[in-house]
């Protein structure tokens, strides 16, 4: 079913690709915004599109830096990002996913595949809202609010990018249980996106870092996964 309310920001400096994407996305019922460089992408992101298609090799700021800034800004940290790039190196794909991207698609573009992957991102986003039984989860001094994607430690709010937030919330919802890497991969990234175990470990490290003195509440269960201590 076409959803006219959804807006996609296309960030690419190749006019032919932009026009091709604009035409096909609009045919699918999406509203389309366009940015030709990284600086403009950050400006347009403040319109809060529902998804960003982001090239890596861009003028002004490259796609890596754009993604970093989007994920570190509370206003834009939850916008899904799909890298759409000619960079085929597996290391680049890992970097993109570790920056918090929801997917990584290599050019040349297969339009049916692209549309399917976009729909999959939206399905995962909708499903993530149903990951947890509770809207607000408390672990000692930590409060995790899944309704507005906020985390408070005492009275201080700590900004978590979407993937890190979902990992923390998933672990918190399963307090004292051992959560395998596979469970986290399926719950947070979905089973139709290839992500290596190392990506989970990197995100866990970032979550621990943001939790500060409470970071050691997330225990590593060697060879299995992770567990958050019940408080």
C-alpha atoms as a PDB file:
ATOM      1  CA  UNK A   1       0.000   0.000   0.000  1.00  0.00           C
ATOM      2  CA  UNK A   2       1.396   3.420  -0.981  1.00  0.00           C
ATOM      3  CA  UNK A   3       2.155   5.702   1.915  1.00  0.00           C
ATOM      4  CA  UNK A   4       2.187   9.297   0.733  1.00  0.00           C
ATOM      5  CA  UNK A   5       3.238  10.518   4.171  1.00  0.00           C
ATOM      6  CA  UNK A   6       6.732   9.033   3.932  1.00  0.00           C
ATOM      7  CA  UNK A   7       9.541  11.275   2.765  1.00  0.00           C
ATOM      8  CA  UNK A   8      12.934  10.099   1.524  1.00  0.00           C
ATOM      9  CA  UNK A   9      15.990  12.352   1.322  1.00  0.00           C
ATOM     10  CA  UNK A  10      18.268  11.405  -1.593  1.00  0.00           C
ATOM     11  CA  UNK A  11      21.873  12.565  -1.100  1.00  0.00           C
ATOM     12  CA  UNK A  12      23.977  12.178  -4.243  1.00  0.00           C
ATOM     13  CA  UNK A  13      25.977  14.513  -6.499  1.00  0.00           C
ATOM     14  CA  UNK A  14      25.255  12.563  -9.710  1.00  0.00           C
ATOM     15  CA  UNK A  15      22.266  14.267 -11.341  1.00  0.00           C
ATOM     16  CA  UNK A  16      21.290  11.283 -13.482  1.00  0.00           C
ATOM     17  CA  UNK A  17      21.113   9.010 -10.449  1.00  0.00           C
ATOM     18  CA  UNK A  18      19.175  11.597  -8.452  1.00  0.00           C
ATOM     19  CA  UNK A  19      16.581  12.042 -11.195  1.00  0.00           C
ATOM     20  CA  UNK A  20      16.232   8.289 -11.690  1.00  0.00           C
ATOM     21  CA  UNK A  21      15.729   7.777  -7.954  1.00  0.00           C
ATOM     22  CA  UNK A  22      13.350  10.721  -7.677  1.00  0.00           C
ATOM     23  CA  UNK A  23      11.175   9.421 -10.505  1.00  0.00           C
ATOM     24  CA  UNK A  24      10.980   5.850  -9.204  1.00  0.00           C
ATOM     25  CA  UNK A  25      10.497   6.776  -5.563  1.00  0.00           C
ATOM     26  CA  UNK A  26       7.704   9.181  -6.459  1.00  0.00           C
ATOM     27  CA  UNK A  27       6.127   6.448  -8.593  1.00  0.00           C
ATOM     28  CA  UNK A  28       6.089   4.304  -5.439  1.00  0.00           C
ATOM     29  CA  UNK A  29       4.281   7.099  -3.588  1.00  0.00           C
ATOM     30  CA  UNK A  30       7.160   8.592  -1.602  1.00  0.00           C
ATOM     31  CA  UNK A  31       7.818  12.287  -1.292  1.00  0.00           C
ATOM     32  CA  UNK A  32      11.414  13.072  -2.269  1.00  0.00           C
ATOM     33  CA  UNK A  33      13.910  15.637  -1.009  1.00  0.00           C
ATOM     34  CA  UNK A  34      17.306  16.055  -2.667  1.00  0.00           C
ATOM     35  CA  UNK A  35      20.727  17.182  -1.445  1.00  0.00           C
ATOM     36  CA  UNK A  36      23.768  17.338  -3.783  1.00  0.00           C
ATOM     37  CA  UNK A  37      26.458  17.406  -1.070  1.00  0.00           C
ATOM     38  CA  UNK A  38      27.120  16.503   2.548  1.00  0.00           C
ATOM     39  CA  UNK A  39      26.617  19.984   3.959  1.00  0.00           C
ATOM     40  CA  UNK A  40      23.250  20.369   2.278  1.00  0.00           C
ATOM     41  CA  UNK A  41      22.292  16.877   3.455  1.00  0.00           C
ATOM     42  CA  UNK A  42      22.700  17.918   7.079  1.00  0.00           C
ATOM     43  CA  UNK A  43      20.582  21.009   6.468  1.00  0.00           C
ATOM     44  CA  UNK A  44      17.840  18.994   4.739  1.00  0.00           C
ATOM     45  CA  UNK A  45      17.903  16.347   7.462  1.00  0.00           C
ATOM     46  CA  UNK A  46      16.394  18.911   9.834  1.00  0.00           C
ATOM     47  CA  UNK A  47      13.169  18.497   7.839  1.00  0.00           C
ATOM     48  CA  UNK A  48      13.172  15.036   9.477  1.00  0.00           C
ATOM     49  CA  UNK A  49      12.669  12.762   6.460  1.00  0.00           C
ATOM     50  CA  UNK A  50      11.538   9.208   7.149  1.00  0.00           C
ATOM     51  CA  UNK A  51      14.663   7.766   5.506  1.00  0.00           C
ATOM     52  CA  UNK A  52      17.927   9.002   3.965  1.00  0.00           C
ATOM     53  CA  UNK A  53      19.560   7.424   0.903  1.00  0.00           C
ATOM     54  CA  UNK A  54      23.172   8.489   1.330  1.00  0.00           C
ATOM     55  CA  UNK A  55      26.116   8.287  -1.067  1.00  0.00           C
ATOM     56  CA  UNK A  56      29.610   8.021   0.431  1.00  0.00           C
ATOM     57  CA  UNK A  57      31.675  10.057  -2.021  1.00  0.00           C
ATOM     58  CA  UNK A  58      30.179  13.541  -1.744  1.00  0.00           C
ATOM     59  CA  UNK A  59      31.397  17.143  -2.031  1.00  0.00           C
ATOM     60  CA  UNK A  60      31.772  19.256   1.140  1.00  0.00           C
ATOM     61  CA  UNK A  61      31.387  16.369   3.633  1.00  0.00           C
ATOM     62  CA  UNK A  62      31.606  12.691   2.719  1.00  0.00           C
ATOM     63  CA  UNK A  63      28.860  10.234   3.602  1.00  0.00           C
ATOM     64  CA  UNK A  64      30.769   8.806   6.579  1.00  0.00           C
ATOM     65  CA  UNK A  65      30.954  12.236   8.218  1.00  0.00           C
ATOM     66  CA  UNK A  66      27.319  12.995   7.398  1.00  0.00           C
ATOM     67  CA  UNK A  67      26.260   9.737   9.070  1.00  0.00           C
ATOM     68  CA  UNK A  68      28.399  10.474  12.134  1.00  0.00           C
ATOM     69  CA  UNK A  69      26.824  13.905  12.556  1.00  0.00           C
ATOM     70  CA  UNK A  70      23.307  12.615  11.988  1.00  0.00           C
ATOM     71  CA  UNK A  71      23.749   9.921  14.615  1.00  0.00           C
ATOM     72  CA  UNK A  72      25.303  12.309  17.178  1.00  0.00           C
ATOM     73  CA  UNK A  73      22.516  14.898  16.883  1.00  0.00           C
ATOM     74  CA  UNK A  74      19.470  14.144  19.024  1.00  0.00           C
ATOM     75  CA  UNK A  75      17.131  15.654  16.420  1.00  0.00           C
ATOM     76  CA  UNK A  76      18.299  13.342  13.633  1.00  0.00           C
ATOM     77  CA  UNK A  77      19.772  10.346  15.431  1.00  0.00           C
ATOM     78  CA  UNK A  78      16.743   8.117  14.776  1.00  0.00           C
ATOM     79  CA  UNK A  79      16.367   8.727  11.021  1.00  0.00           C
ATOM     80  CA  UNK A  80      17.057   5.483   9.102  1.00  0.00           C
ATOM     81  CA  UNK A  81      20.110   5.708   6.829  1.00  0.00           C
ATOM     82  CA  UNK A  82      20.703   3.529   3.776  1.00  0.00           C
ATOM     83  CA  UNK A  83      24.100   3.942   2.148  1.00  0.00           C
ATOM     84  CA  UNK A  84      23.822   3.814  -1.641  1.00  0.00           C
ATOM     85  CA  UNK A  85      27.353   3.830  -3.014  1.00  0.00           C
ATOM     86  CA  UNK A  86      29.769   2.568  -5.650  1.00  0.00           C
ATOM     87  CA  UNK A  87      32.228   1.522  -2.933  1.00  0.00           C
ATOM     88  CA  UNK A  88      32.214  -2.282  -3.040  1.00  0.00           C
ATOM     89  CA  UNK A  89      34.879  -3.048  -0.428  1.00  0.00           C
ATOM     90  CA  UNK A  90      33.532  -5.176   2.430  1.00  0.00           C
ATOM     91  CA  UNK A  91      35.443  -2.999   4.896  1.00  0.00           C
ATOM     92  CA  UNK A  92      33.486   0.037   3.672  1.00  0.00           C
ATOM     93  CA  UNK A  93      30.238  -1.841   4.230  1.00  0.00           C
ATOM     94  CA  UNK A  94      31.269  -2.736   7.779  1.00  0.00           C
ATOM     95  CA  UNK A  95      32.229   0.913   8.445  1.00  0.00           C
ATOM     96  CA  UNK A  96      28.862   2.099   7.164  1.00  0.00           C
ATOM     97  CA  UNK A  97      26.909  -0.330   9.311  1.00  0.00           C
ATOM     98  CA  UNK A  98      29.016   0.451  12.368  1.00  0.00           C
ATOM     99  CA  UNK A  99      28.228   4.141  11.882  1.00  0.00           C
ATOM    100  CA  UNK A 100      24.607   3.213  12.451  1.00  0.00           C
ATOM    101  CA  UNK A 101      23.335   2.711   8.909  1.00  0.00           C
ATOM    102  CA  UNK A 102      20.291   0.502   8.496  1.00  0.00           C
ATOM    103  CA  UNK A 103      21.496  -0.953   5.207  1.00  0.00           C
ATOM    104  CA  UNK A 104      24.297  -0.691   2.636  1.00  0.00           C
ATOM    105  CA  UNK A 105      23.499  -1.046  -1.074  1.00  0.00           C
ATOM    106  CA  UNK A 106      26.154  -1.106  -3.802  1.00  0.00           C
ATOM    107  CA  UNK A 107      25.715   0.625  -7.152  1.00  0.00           C
ATOM    108  CA  UNK A 108      24.778  -0.058  -9.921  1.00  0.00           C
ATOM    109  CA  UNK A 109      21.276   0.024  -8.523  1.00  0.00           C
ATOM    110  CA  UNK A 110      18.695  -2.697  -8.992  1.00  0.00           C
ATOM    111  CA  UNK A 111      15.493  -0.712  -8.552  1.00  0.00           C
ATOM    112  CA  UNK A 112      13.297  -3.652  -7.454  1.00  0.00           C
ATOM    113  CA  UNK A 113      15.954  -4.624  -4.904  1.00  0.00           C
ATOM    114  CA  UNK A 114      16.293  -1.030  -3.684  1.00  0.00           C
ATOM    115  CA  UNK A 115      12.537  -0.625  -3.215  1.00  0.00           C
ATOM    116  CA  UNK A 116      12.373  -3.940  -1.365  1.00  0.00           C
ATOM    117  CA  UNK A 117      15.227  -2.932   0.935  1.00  0.00           C
ATOM    118  CA  UNK A 118      13.555   0.425   1.663  1.00  0.00           C
ATOM    119  CA  UNK A 119      10.318  -1.344   2.558  1.00  0.00           C
ATOM    120  CA  UNK A 120      12.305  -3.721   4.768  1.00  0.00           C
ATOM    121  CA  UNK A 121      13.845  -0.789   6.653  1.00  0.00           C
ATOM    122  CA  UNK A 122      10.392   0.667   7.284  1.00  0.00           C
ATOM    123  CA  UNK A 123       9.092  -2.735   8.426  1.00  0.00           C
ATOM    124  CA  UNK A 124      11.983  -3.094  10.881  1.00  0.00           C
ATOM    125  CA  UNK A 125      11.392   0.434  12.148  1.00  0.00           C
ATOM    126  CA  UNK A 126       7.749  -0.340  12.796  1.00  0.00           C
ATOM    127  CA  UNK A 127       8.623  -3.675  14.374  1.00  0.00           C
ATOM    128  CA  UNK A 128      11.197  -2.044  16.661  1.00  0.00           C
ATOM    129  CA  UNK A 129       8.384  -0.135  18.340  1.00  0.00           C
ATOM    130  CA  UNK A 130       6.946  -3.514  19.341  1.00  0.00           C
ATOM    131  CA  UNK A 131      10.198  -5.049  20.577  1.00  0.00           C
ATOM    132  CA  UNK A 132       9.440  -4.294  24.171  1.00  0.00           C
ATOM    133  CA  UNK A 133       6.521  -4.996  26.460  1.00  0.00           C
ATOM    134  CA  UNK A 134       7.139  -1.886  28.518  1.00  0.00           C
ATOM    135  CA  UNK A 135       7.237   1.688  27.272  1.00  0.00           C
ATOM    136  CA  UNK A 136       9.650   2.718  30.033  1.00  0.00           C
ATOM    137  CA  UNK A 137      12.286   0.354  31.437  1.00  0.00           C
ATOM    138  CA  UNK A 138      14.254   1.048  34.614  1.00  0.00           C
ATOM    139  CA  UNK A 139      17.560  -0.526  35.592  1.00  0.00           C
ATOM    140  CA  UNK A 140      18.780   1.072  38.785  1.00  0.00           C
ATOM    141  CA  UNK A 141      19.411   4.726  37.950  1.00  0.00           C
ATOM    142  CA  UNK A 142      18.986   4.155  34.214  1.00  0.00           C
ATOM    143  CA  UNK A 143      15.642   4.964  32.581  1.00  0.00           C
ATOM    144  CA  UNK A 144      15.022   3.820  29.001  1.00  0.00           C
ATOM    145  CA  UNK A 145      11.978   5.340  27.304  1.00  0.00           C
ATOM    146  CA  UNK A 146      11.167   3.540  24.051  1.00  0.00           C
ATOM    147  CA  UNK A 147       8.367   5.958  23.141  1.00  0.00           C
ATOM    148  CA  UNK A 148      10.701   8.899  22.561  1.00  0.00           C
ATOM    149  CA  UNK A 149      14.020   7.010  22.303  1.00  0.00           C
ATOM    150  CA  UNK A 150      15.557   8.692  25.335  1.00  0.00           C
ATOM    151  CA  UNK A 151      17.892   7.380  28.010  1.00  0.00           C
ATOM    152  CA  UNK A 152      18.328   9.108  31.369  1.00  0.00           C
ATOM    153  CA  UNK A 153      21.022   8.270  33.899  1.00  0.00           C
ATOM    154  CA  UNK A 154      19.745   9.903  37.041  1.00  0.00           C
ATOM    155  CA  UNK A 155      18.657  13.373  35.924  1.00  0.00           C
ATOM    156  CA  UNK A 156      21.065  13.485  32.966  1.00  0.00           C
ATOM    157  CA  UNK A 157      19.915  12.606  29.462  1.00  0.00           C
ATOM    158  CA  UNK A 158      22.379  10.665  27.322  1.00  0.00           C
ATOM    159  CA  UNK A 159      21.861  10.593  23.548  1.00  0.00           C
ATOM    160  CA  UNK A 160      21.946   7.140  21.982  1.00  0.00           C
ATOM    161  CA  UNK A 161      21.836   6.630  18.193  1.00  0.00           C
ATOM    162  CA  UNK A 162      19.020   4.342  17.068  1.00  0.00           C
ATOM    163  CA  UNK A 163      20.960   1.079  16.843  1.00  0.00           C
ATOM    164  CA  UNK A 164      22.697   1.592  20.200  1.00  0.00           C
ATOM    165  CA  UNK A 165      19.377   2.530  21.814  1.00  0.00           C
ATOM    166  CA  UNK A 166      17.685  -0.602  20.487  1.00  0.00           C
ATOM    167  CA  UNK A 167      20.532  -2.810  21.699  1.00  0.00           C
ATOM    168  CA  UNK A 168      20.367  -1.304  25.188  1.00  0.00           C
ATOM    169  CA  UNK A 169      16.575  -1.528  25.295  1.00  0.00           C
ATOM    170  CA  UNK A 170      16.577  -5.129  24.081  1.00  0.00           C
ATOM    171  CA  UNK A 171      19.118  -6.151  26.712  1.00  0.00           C
ATOM    172  CA  UNK A 172      17.175  -4.240  29.374  1.00  0.00           C
ATOM    173  CA  UNK A 173      13.916  -5.930  28.417  1.00  0.00           C
ATOM    174  CA  UNK A 174      15.685  -9.281  28.886  1.00  0.00           C
ATOM    175  CA  UNK A 175      17.415  -8.458  32.169  1.00  0.00           C
ATOM    176  CA  UNK A 176      19.438 -11.331  33.661  1.00  0.00           C
ATOM    177  CA  UNK A 177      18.961 -13.398  30.457  1.00  0.00           C
ATOM    178  CA  UNK A 178      21.848 -14.190  28.150  1.00  0.00           C
ATOM    179  CA  UNK A 179      21.184 -12.572  24.782  1.00  0.00           C
ATOM    180  CA  UNK A 180      23.131 -14.056  21.891  1.00  0.00           C
ATOM    181  CA  UNK A 181      24.673 -11.981  19.124  1.00  0.00           C
ATOM    182  CA  UNK A 182      22.303 -13.656  16.684  1.00  0.00           C
ATOM    183  CA  UNK A 183      19.301 -12.529  18.748  1.00  0.00           C
ATOM    184  CA  UNK A 184      20.594  -8.946  18.733  1.00  0.00           C
ATOM    185  CA  UNK A 185      21.319  -9.066  15.002  1.00  0.00           C
ATOM    186  CA  UNK A 186      17.807 -10.290  14.203  1.00  0.00           C
ATOM    187  CA  UNK A 187      16.079  -7.922  16.622  1.00  0.00           C
ATOM    188  CA  UNK A 188      17.991  -4.760  15.722  1.00  0.00           C
ATOM    189  CA  UNK A 189      19.168  -5.225  12.119  1.00  0.00           C
ATOM    190  CA  UNK A 190      16.713  -7.834  10.863  1.00  0.00           C
ATOM    191  CA  UNK A 191      17.502 -11.135   9.200  1.00  0.00           C
ATOM    192  CA  UNK A 192      17.592  -9.697   5.672  1.00  0.00           C
ATOM    193  CA  UNK A 193      20.676  -7.523   6.257  1.00  0.00           C
ATOM    194  CA  UNK A 194      24.123  -9.123   6.488  1.00  0.00           C
ATOM    195  CA  UNK A 195      25.966  -7.833   9.540  1.00  0.00           C
ATOM    196  CA  UNK A 196      29.022  -9.463  11.069  1.00  0.00           C
ATOM    197  CA  UNK A 197      29.260 -10.311  14.777  1.00  0.00           C
ATOM    198  CA  UNK A 198      31.982  -7.686  15.170  1.00  0.00           C
ATOM    199  CA  UNK A 199      29.404  -4.992  14.413  1.00  0.00           C
ATOM    200  CA  UNK A 200      27.403  -6.069  17.462  1.00  0.00           C
ATOM    201  CA  UNK A 201      30.527  -6.030  19.623  1.00  0.00           C
ATOM    202  CA  UNK A 202      31.454  -2.521  18.444  1.00  0.00           C
ATOM    203  CA  UNK A 203      27.954  -1.230  19.225  1.00  0.00           C
ATOM    204  CA  UNK A 204      28.044  -2.872  22.668  1.00  0.00           C
ATOM    205  CA  UNK A 205      31.340  -1.066  23.364  1.00  0.00           C
ATOM    206  CA  UNK A 206      29.733   2.240  22.408  1.00  0.00           C
ATOM    207  CA  UNK A 207      26.727   1.548  24.643  1.00  0.00           C
ATOM    208  CA  UNK A 208      29.034   0.752  27.576  1.00  0.00           C
ATOM    209  CA  UNK A 209      30.993   3.939  26.948  1.00  0.00           C
ATOM    210  CA  UNK A 210      27.831   6.067  27.003  1.00  0.00           C
ATOM    211  CA  UNK A 211      26.650   4.385  30.216  1.00  0.00           C
ATOM    212  CA  UNK A 212      29.846   5.583  31.933  1.00  0.00           C
ATOM    213  CA  UNK A 213      30.198   4.174  35.430  1.00  0.00           C
ATOM    214  CA  UNK A 214      27.323   1.783  34.720  1.00  0.00           C
ATOM    215  CA  UNK A 215      28.903   0.330  31.585  1.00  0.00           C
ATOM    216  CA  UNK A 216      30.049  -2.799  33.408  1.00  0.00           C
ATOM    217  CA  UNK A 217      26.398  -3.675  34.039  1.00  0.00           C
ATOM    218  CA  UNK A 218      26.505  -5.211  30.569  1.00  0.00           C
ATOM    219  CA  UNK A 219      28.369  -8.478  31.012  1.00  0.00           C
ATOM    220  CA  UNK A 220      30.054 -10.460  28.243  1.00  0.00           C
ATOM    221  CA  UNK A 221      29.199 -14.152  28.334  1.00  0.00           C
ATOM    222  CA  UNK A 222      32.199 -15.619  26.528  1.00  0.00           C
ATOM    223  CA  UNK A 223      31.355 -17.437  23.331  1.00  0.00           C
ATOM    224  CA  UNK A 224      27.636 -16.734  23.672  1.00  0.00           C
ATOM    225  CA  UNK A 225      26.640 -13.070  23.892  1.00  0.00           C
ATOM    226  CA  UNK A 226      25.707 -10.505  26.521  1.00  0.00           C
ATOM    227  CA  UNK A 227      23.659 -10.116  29.655  1.00  0.00           C
ATOM    228  CA  UNK A 228      22.597  -7.018  31.547  1.00  0.00           C
ATOM    229  CA  UNK A 229      22.639  -7.328  35.310  1.00  0.00           C
ATOM    230  CA  UNK A 230      19.289  -7.104  37.036  1.00  0.00           C
ATOM    231  CA  UNK A 231      19.203  -4.232  39.533  1.00  0.00           C
END
